[in-house]
């Protein structure tokens, strides 16, 4: 049995840890409110941007060039958005598990959605090449352990605040796609649902897919789904021509998609960290109470033993 001194030392250590986790919980709560506020403010704009993308993808489905070009999927670029640090519960674990599942069973990854059509690649799984762009040190380390190639890494984007910070990432994604290095671009991120609920997602970014965009809009706001169908029935007239317009508007809208995915992941990360630190603080308090009880029982046992020894000694003297 541990001595009273050892138990006191453990109680002191646990209380110190509890103070640290409580401070981290308070910091994460402030960051979470800021991150959630950012993602909620941008959701309306993101929905509108996806509406425009979905409508353009439908209206100009016959123009198979640039970001709308139809290709058989042989090379895939995957953007993985994780965090730089741990202590955020299962945030990174769930996302990276999702990445592993999709890589080991790439049937969905081999389906390319162009406009409102689906095309499944006939390329065998073993010949399918998947490269990665990582955001966050945790994603970088995990992909390296898997032995996959990382073409670019953006650890600083896990704390982004402005859409301008996303442009280097969007340029890498779009330039590699336009240069036909990759036939499909997807993003792995964590969707913020509530403070206690976050869900890892995979989304096709390129080529632009009306089907995938409408699905994203419906998930963000199920009331928008019917509106998308109504708007999509209209016709677009553009000047000076479809190619010139699409070449200018698509990059901005793709940039918005990546920015929104980063904001969703950031809000999810801070929420997960706040909950993890709250759970750690509660666990520390329970452990401290348990050791305090054990310490008091040990003291009571020693006092009882001393009283018994004194009584026994006195009885011996009287006899």
Foldseek 3Di string as FASTA:
>chain_A
DDDLVVLVVVLVVLVVLLVVLVVLLVVLVVLLVVLVVVLVVCLVVLLVLLLVLLLLLQQVVVDQAAQQNDDQFQEEEEEEEAAQDDLLACLLVQLVVVVVVCLVPVQVVRWDAHNADIDGHPDDSVRRAYEYEYEYPSRVVSCVVVVHHHPYYHPPLLPDDDLVVLVVVLCVVRVCVNVVVGNWYKYWFWADDDLVDIHIDIATLTSRHSVRSLVVSCVSPVVCNVVSVVVSVDHDDDPPDSVVVCVPSSSVSSSSVVVSRSSRRSSSRSSSSSVSSVVSSVVSVVVSVVSVVVSVVVVVVVVVVVVVVVVVVVVVVVD
